[in-house]
């Protein structure tokens, strides 16, 4: 994920457009998400406590889907990476379709 930020900056500088701006923003969000994943799930000598579930429960309330899908930080990070990859794949396909449509092979 980290190499995506400079690549998107280069493309945005050469061809400023809304798509590249969204790409930069998405890359930054996913890099920060990866950083939080490592910070929350990295093994240490201290007793591990969950950070994500209490944070989301404070934000959205205690909903059953949240307790099931975000039961621990590993599971929350796995869901984050799943949706991050799905969004970035859809965005890449959209950019490919737009590039082919305007003739930039």
N, C-alpha and C. Protein backbone atom coordinates (compact mmCIF):
# COMPACT_ATOMS: atom_id res chain seq x y z
N UNK A 1 0.81 -1.20 0.00
CA UNK A 1 0.00 0.00 0.00
C UNK A 1 0.85 1.26 0.00
N UNK A 2 2.01 1.23 0.64
CA UNK A 2 2.81 2.45 0.74
C UNK A 2 3.29 2.94 -0.63
N UNK A 3 3.72 2.07 -1.56
CA UNK A 3 4.14 2.59 -2.88
C UNK A 3 3.01 3.25 -3.66
N UNK A 4 1.76 2.98 -3.32
CA UNK A 4 0.65 3.59 -4.06
C UNK A 4 0.61 5.10 -3.87
N UNK A 5 1.06 5.61 -2.73
CA UNK A 5 0.99 7.05 -2.47
C UNK A 5 1.89 7.83 -3.43
N UNK A 6 3.19 7.52 -3.54
CA UNK A 6 4.00 8.30 -4.49
C UNK A 6 3.59 8.11 -5.95
N UNK A 7 3.16 6.88 -6.31
CA UNK A 7 2.69 6.68 -7.69
C UNK A 7 1.48 7.57 -7.99
N UNK A 8 0.54 7.61 -7.06
CA UNK A 8 -0.64 8.45 -7.28
C UNK A 8 -0.26 9.93 -7.31
N UNK A 9 0.71 10.33 -6.50
CA UNK A 9 1.17 11.72 -6.53
C UNK A 9 1.80 12.07 -7.88
N UNK A 10 2.58 11.14 -8.43
CA UNK A 10 3.19 11.38 -9.74
C UNK A 10 2.12 11.50 -10.82
N UNK A 11 1.18 10.56 -10.83
CA UNK A 11 0.11 10.63 -11.84
C UNK A 11 -0.74 11.88 -11.67
N UNK A 12 -1.03 12.25 -10.43
CA UNK A 12 -1.84 13.45 -10.19
C UNK A 12 -1.10 14.70 -10.62
N UNK A 13 0.23 14.73 -10.43
CA UNK A 13 1.01 15.90 -10.83
C UNK A 13 1.07 16.02 -12.35
N UNK A 14 1.23 14.86 -13.02
CA UNK A 14 1.31 14.89 -14.48
C UNK A 14 -0.04 15.14 -15.14
N UNK A 15 -1.09 14.54 -14.61
CA UNK A 15 -2.43 14.66 -15.19
C UNK A 15 -3.44 14.91 -14.07
N UNK A 16 -3.54 16.15 -13.59
CA UNK A 16 -4.47 16.41 -12.49
C UNK A 16 -5.91 16.08 -12.89
N UNK A 17 -6.54 15.25 -12.07
CA UNK A 17 -7.94 14.92 -12.30
C UNK A 17 -8.56 14.45 -11.00
N UNK A 18 -9.87 14.40 -10.99
CA UNK A 18 -10.61 13.97 -9.81
C UNK A 18 -10.28 12.52 -9.45
N UNK A 19 -10.12 11.66 -10.46
CA UNK A 19 -9.84 10.25 -10.23
C UNK A 19 -8.52 10.05 -9.48
N UNK A 20 -7.49 10.78 -9.89
CA UNK A 20 -6.20 10.65 -9.22
C UNK A 20 -6.25 11.24 -7.81
N UNK A 21 -7.02 12.29 -7.62
CA UNK A 21 -7.18 12.86 -6.27
C UNK A 21 -7.85 11.85 -5.35
N UNK A 22 -8.89 11.20 -5.83
CA UNK A 22 -9.57 10.15 -5.04
C UNK A 22 -8.60 9.00 -4.77
N UNK A 23 -7.76 8.67 -5.75
CA UNK A 23 -6.77 7.61 -5.56
C UNK A 23 -5.76 7.96 -4.48
N UNK A 24 -5.31 9.22 -4.45
CA UNK A 24 -4.39 9.65 -3.40
C UNK A 24 -5.06 9.54 -2.03
N UNK A 25 -6.29 10.01 -1.93
CA UNK A 25 -7.02 9.96 -0.65
C UNK A 25 -7.22 8.51 -0.20
N UNK A 26 -7.61 7.64 -1.11
CA UNK A 26 -7.82 6.23 -0.77
C UNK A 26 -6.50 5.58 -0.34
N UNK A 27 -5.43 5.86 -1.05
CA UNK A 27 -4.13 5.28 -0.69
C UNK A 27 -3.70 5.73 0.70
N UNK A 28 -3.91 7.00 1.02
CA UNK A 28 -3.55 7.49 2.35
C UNK A 28 -4.40 6.84 3.44
N UNK A 29 -5.69 6.68 3.20
CA UNK A 29 -6.56 6.03 4.18
C UNK A 29 -6.12 4.60 4.41
N UNK A 30 -5.79 3.88 3.34
CA UNK A 30 -5.41 2.48 3.49
C UNK A 30 -4.03 2.33 4.12
N UNK A 31 -3.12 3.26 3.87
CA UNK A 31 -1.82 3.22 4.54
C UNK A 31 -1.99 3.48 6.03
N UNK A 32 -2.82 4.45 6.39
CA UNK A 32 -3.07 4.71 7.81
C UNK A 32 -3.78 3.53 8.46
N UNK A 33 -4.69 2.88 7.75
CA UNK A 33 -5.35 1.69 8.27
C UNK A 33 -4.36 0.56 8.51
N UNK A 34 -3.41 0.41 7.60
CA UNK A 34 -2.38 -0.61 7.79
C UNK A 34 -1.52 -0.30 9.00
N UNK A 35 -1.21 0.97 9.19
CA UNK A 35 -0.42 1.37 10.35
C UNK A 35 -1.17 1.05 11.65
N UNK A 36 -2.47 1.34 11.69
CA UNK A 36 -3.26 1.02 12.88
C UNK A 36 -3.33 -0.48 13.11
N UNK A 37 -3.46 -1.25 12.04
CA UNK A 37 -3.49 -2.71 12.17
C UNK A 37 -2.21 -3.21 12.84
N UNK A 38 -1.07 -2.73 12.38
CA UNK A 38 0.19 -3.16 12.97
C UNK A 38 0.29 -2.68 14.41
N UNK A 39 -0.11 -1.45 14.69
CA UNK A 39 -0.02 -0.94 16.06
C UNK A 39 -0.92 -1.71 17.01
N UNK A 40 -2.12 -2.10 16.56
CA UNK A 40 -3.06 -2.78 17.44
C UNK A 40 -2.77 -4.27 17.59
N UNK A 41 -2.22 -4.90 16.57
CA UNK A 41 -2.11 -6.36 16.57
C UNK A 41 -0.69 -6.88 16.72
N UNK A 42 0.29 -6.01 16.80
CA UNK A 42 1.67 -6.47 16.92
C UNK A 42 1.87 -7.13 18.28
N UNK A 43 2.47 -8.32 18.31
CA UNK A 43 2.65 -9.01 19.60
C UNK A 43 3.59 -8.24 20.52
N UNK A 44 3.27 -8.27 21.79
CA UNK A 44 4.12 -7.62 22.78
C UNK A 44 4.01 -8.37 24.09
N UNK A 45 4.79 -7.93 25.06
CA UNK A 45 4.80 -8.55 26.37
C UNK A 45 3.55 -8.20 27.18
N UNK A 46 2.94 -7.07 26.85
CA UNK A 46 1.76 -6.63 27.58
C UNK A 46 0.55 -7.48 27.22
N UNK A 47 -0.40 -7.54 28.13
CA UNK A 47 -1.65 -8.22 27.86
C UNK A 47 -2.40 -7.44 26.78
N UNK A 48 -2.85 -8.14 25.76
CA UNK A 48 -3.53 -7.46 24.65
C UNK A 48 -4.98 -7.16 25.00
N UNK A 49 -5.38 -5.96 24.72
CA UNK A 49 -6.79 -5.61 24.86
C UNK A 49 -7.28 -5.10 23.51
N UNK A 50 -8.53 -5.30 23.23
CA UNK A 50 -9.10 -4.87 21.95
C UNK A 50 -9.27 -3.36 21.94
N UNK A 51 -8.89 -2.75 20.83
CA UNK A 51 -9.04 -1.31 20.66
C UNK A 51 -10.19 -0.98 19.71
N UNK A 52 -10.36 -1.80 18.67
CA UNK A 52 -11.32 -1.47 17.63
C UNK A 52 -12.77 -1.62 18.09
N UNK A 53 -13.12 -2.74 18.71
CA UNK A 53 -14.50 -2.97 19.10
C UNK A 53 -15.02 -1.89 20.05
N UNK A 54 -14.30 -1.54 21.12
CA UNK A 54 -14.81 -0.46 21.98
C UNK A 54 -14.94 0.88 21.26
N UNK A 55 -14.01 1.15 20.35
CA UNK A 55 -14.08 2.41 19.61
C UNK A 55 -15.33 2.45 18.72
N UNK A 56 -15.58 1.35 17.98
CA UNK A 56 -16.76 1.32 17.12
C UNK A 56 -18.05 1.26 17.91
N UNK A 57 -18.03 0.61 19.07
CA UNK A 57 -19.24 0.56 19.89
C UNK A 57 -19.57 1.95 20.45
N UNK A 58 -18.55 2.74 20.76
CA UNK A 58 -18.79 4.12 21.20
C UNK A 58 -19.34 4.97 20.06
N UNK A 59 -18.85 4.72 18.85
CA UNK A 59 -19.30 5.51 17.70
C UNK A 59 -20.70 5.13 17.23
N UNK A 60 -20.97 3.82 17.12
CA UNK A 60 -22.20 3.35 16.49
C UNK A 60 -23.17 2.65 17.43
N UNK A 61 -22.80 2.45 18.68
CA UNK A 61 -23.67 1.72 19.59
C UNK A 61 -23.43 0.22 19.48
N UNK A 62 -23.98 -0.53 20.41
CA UNK A 62 -23.76 -1.98 20.45
C UNK A 62 -24.74 -2.68 19.51
N UNK A 63 -24.33 -2.89 18.29
CA UNK A 63 -25.15 -3.61 17.32
C UNK A 63 -24.59 -5.02 17.17
N UNK A 64 -25.45 -5.98 16.95
CA UNK A 64 -25.04 -7.38 16.91
C UNK A 64 -24.04 -7.66 15.79
N UNK A 65 -24.23 -7.07 14.60
CA UNK A 65 -23.30 -7.32 13.50
C UNK A 65 -21.90 -6.86 13.89
N UNK A 66 -21.81 -5.79 14.67
CA UNK A 66 -20.51 -5.26 15.06
C UNK A 66 -19.81 -6.21 16.03
N UNK A 67 -20.56 -6.73 16.98
CA UNK A 67 -19.96 -7.65 17.96
C UNK A 67 -19.49 -8.92 17.28
N UNK A 68 -20.23 -9.38 16.28
CA UNK A 68 -19.85 -10.61 15.57
C UNK A 68 -18.65 -10.37 14.65
N UNK A 69 -18.67 -9.30 13.87
CA UNK A 69 -17.64 -9.09 12.85
C UNK A 69 -16.40 -8.37 13.37
N UNK A 70 -16.50 -7.68 14.49
CA UNK A 70 -15.36 -6.95 15.03
C UNK A 70 -15.01 -7.45 16.43
N UNK A 71 -15.12 -8.74 16.65
CA UNK A 71 -14.94 -9.32 17.98
C UNK A 71 -13.53 -9.07 18.53
N UNK A 72 -12.53 -9.04 17.67
CA UNK A 72 -11.18 -8.72 18.12
C UNK A 72 -10.49 -7.90 17.04
N UNK A 73 -9.30 -7.39 17.37
CA UNK A 73 -8.62 -6.50 16.44
C UNK A 73 -8.17 -7.20 15.16
N UNK A 74 -7.81 -8.47 15.25
CA UNK A 74 -7.41 -9.22 14.06
C UNK A 74 -8.58 -9.32 13.08
N UNK A 75 -9.73 -9.63 13.60
CA UNK A 75 -10.91 -9.76 12.74
C UNK A 75 -11.30 -8.42 12.14
N UNK A 76 -11.24 -7.35 12.93
CA UNK A 76 -11.54 -6.01 12.42
C UNK A 76 -10.56 -5.62 11.32
N UNK A 77 -9.29 -5.91 11.51
CA UNK A 77 -8.29 -5.58 10.49
C UNK A 77 -8.49 -6.40 9.23
N UNK A 78 -8.89 -7.66 9.39
CA UNK A 78 -9.15 -8.50 8.22
C UNK A 78 -10.31 -7.95 7.40
N UNK A 79 -11.36 -7.52 8.08
CA UNK A 79 -12.48 -6.89 7.36
C UNK A 79 -12.03 -5.60 6.69
N UNK A 80 -11.20 -4.81 7.36
CA UNK A 80 -10.69 -3.58 6.75
C UNK A 80 -9.94 -3.88 5.46
N UNK A 81 -9.03 -4.86 5.52
CA UNK A 81 -8.26 -5.20 4.32
C UNK A 81 -9.13 -5.77 3.22
N UNK A 82 -10.15 -6.54 3.58
CA UNK A 82 -11.07 -7.08 2.58
C UNK A 82 -11.76 -5.94 1.83
N UNK A 83 -12.36 -5.00 2.57
CA UNK A 83 -13.08 -3.91 1.92
C UNK A 83 -12.13 -2.94 1.23
N UNK A 84 -10.94 -2.73 1.78
CA UNK A 84 -9.96 -1.87 1.12
C UNK A 84 -9.57 -2.45 -0.24
N UNK A 85 -9.31 -3.75 -0.28
CA UNK A 85 -8.97 -4.39 -1.56
C UNK A 85 -10.14 -4.38 -2.53
N UNK A 86 -11.35 -4.59 -2.04
CA UNK A 86 -12.52 -4.55 -2.93
C UNK A 86 -12.70 -3.16 -3.52
N UNK A 87 -12.56 -2.13 -2.71
CA UNK A 87 -12.73 -0.75 -3.20
C UNK A 87 -11.63 -0.38 -4.18
N UNK A 88 -10.39 -0.73 -3.86
CA UNK A 88 -9.29 -0.40 -4.75
C UNK A 88 -9.37 -1.18 -6.07
N UNK A 89 -9.84 -2.42 -6.02
CA UNK A 89 -10.01 -3.19 -7.26
C UNK A 89 -11.09 -2.56 -8.14
N UNK A 90 -12.20 -2.18 -7.53
CA UNK A 90 -13.27 -1.52 -8.29
C UNK A 90 -12.78 -0.18 -8.86
N UNK A 91 -12.02 0.56 -8.06
CA UNK A 91 -11.46 1.83 -8.55
C UNK A 91 -10.48 1.64 -9.68
N UNK A 92 -9.66 0.60 -9.60
CA UNK A 92 -8.71 0.31 -10.67
C UNK A 92 -9.43 -0.07 -11.96
N UNK A 93 -10.48 -0.88 -11.83
CA UNK A 93 -11.27 -1.24 -13.02
C UNK A 93 -11.94 -0.01 -13.62
N UNK A 94 -12.45 0.87 -12.77
CA UNK A 94 -13.08 2.09 -13.27
C UNK A 94 -12.06 2.96 -14.01
N UNK A 95 -10.87 3.11 -13.45
CA UNK A 95 -9.83 3.89 -14.13
C UNK A 95 -9.42 3.25 -15.44
N UNK A 96 -9.36 1.92 -15.48
CA UNK A 96 -9.04 1.22 -16.73
C UNK A 96 -10.09 1.47 -17.78
N UNK A 97 -11.36 1.38 -17.39
CA UNK A 97 -12.47 1.61 -18.33
C UNK A 97 -12.44 3.04 -18.85
N UNK A 98 -12.18 4.00 -17.95
CA UNK A 98 -12.12 5.41 -18.37
C UNK A 98 -10.94 5.62 -19.32
N UNK A 99 -9.77 5.03 -19.00
CA UNK A 99 -8.60 5.21 -19.87
C UNK A 99 -8.83 4.60 -21.25
N UNK A 100 -9.44 3.43 -21.30
CA UNK A 100 -9.73 2.80 -22.60
C UNK A 100 -10.78 3.63 -23.35
N UNK A 101 -11.75 4.15 -22.61
CA UNK A 101 -12.82 4.92 -23.23
C UNK A 101 -12.33 6.21 -23.88
N UNK A 102 -11.32 6.85 -23.29
CA UNK A 102 -10.83 8.10 -23.88
C UNK A 102 -9.62 7.88 -24.76
N UNK A 103 -9.18 6.62 -24.89
CA UNK A 103 -8.13 6.29 -25.84
C UNK A 103 -6.73 6.29 -25.28
N UNK A 104 -6.55 6.29 -23.97
CA UNK A 104 -5.20 6.21 -23.38
C UNK A 104 -4.88 4.74 -23.11
N UNK A 105 -4.31 4.08 -24.07
CA UNK A 105 -4.01 2.65 -23.91
C UNK A 105 -2.95 2.52 -22.89
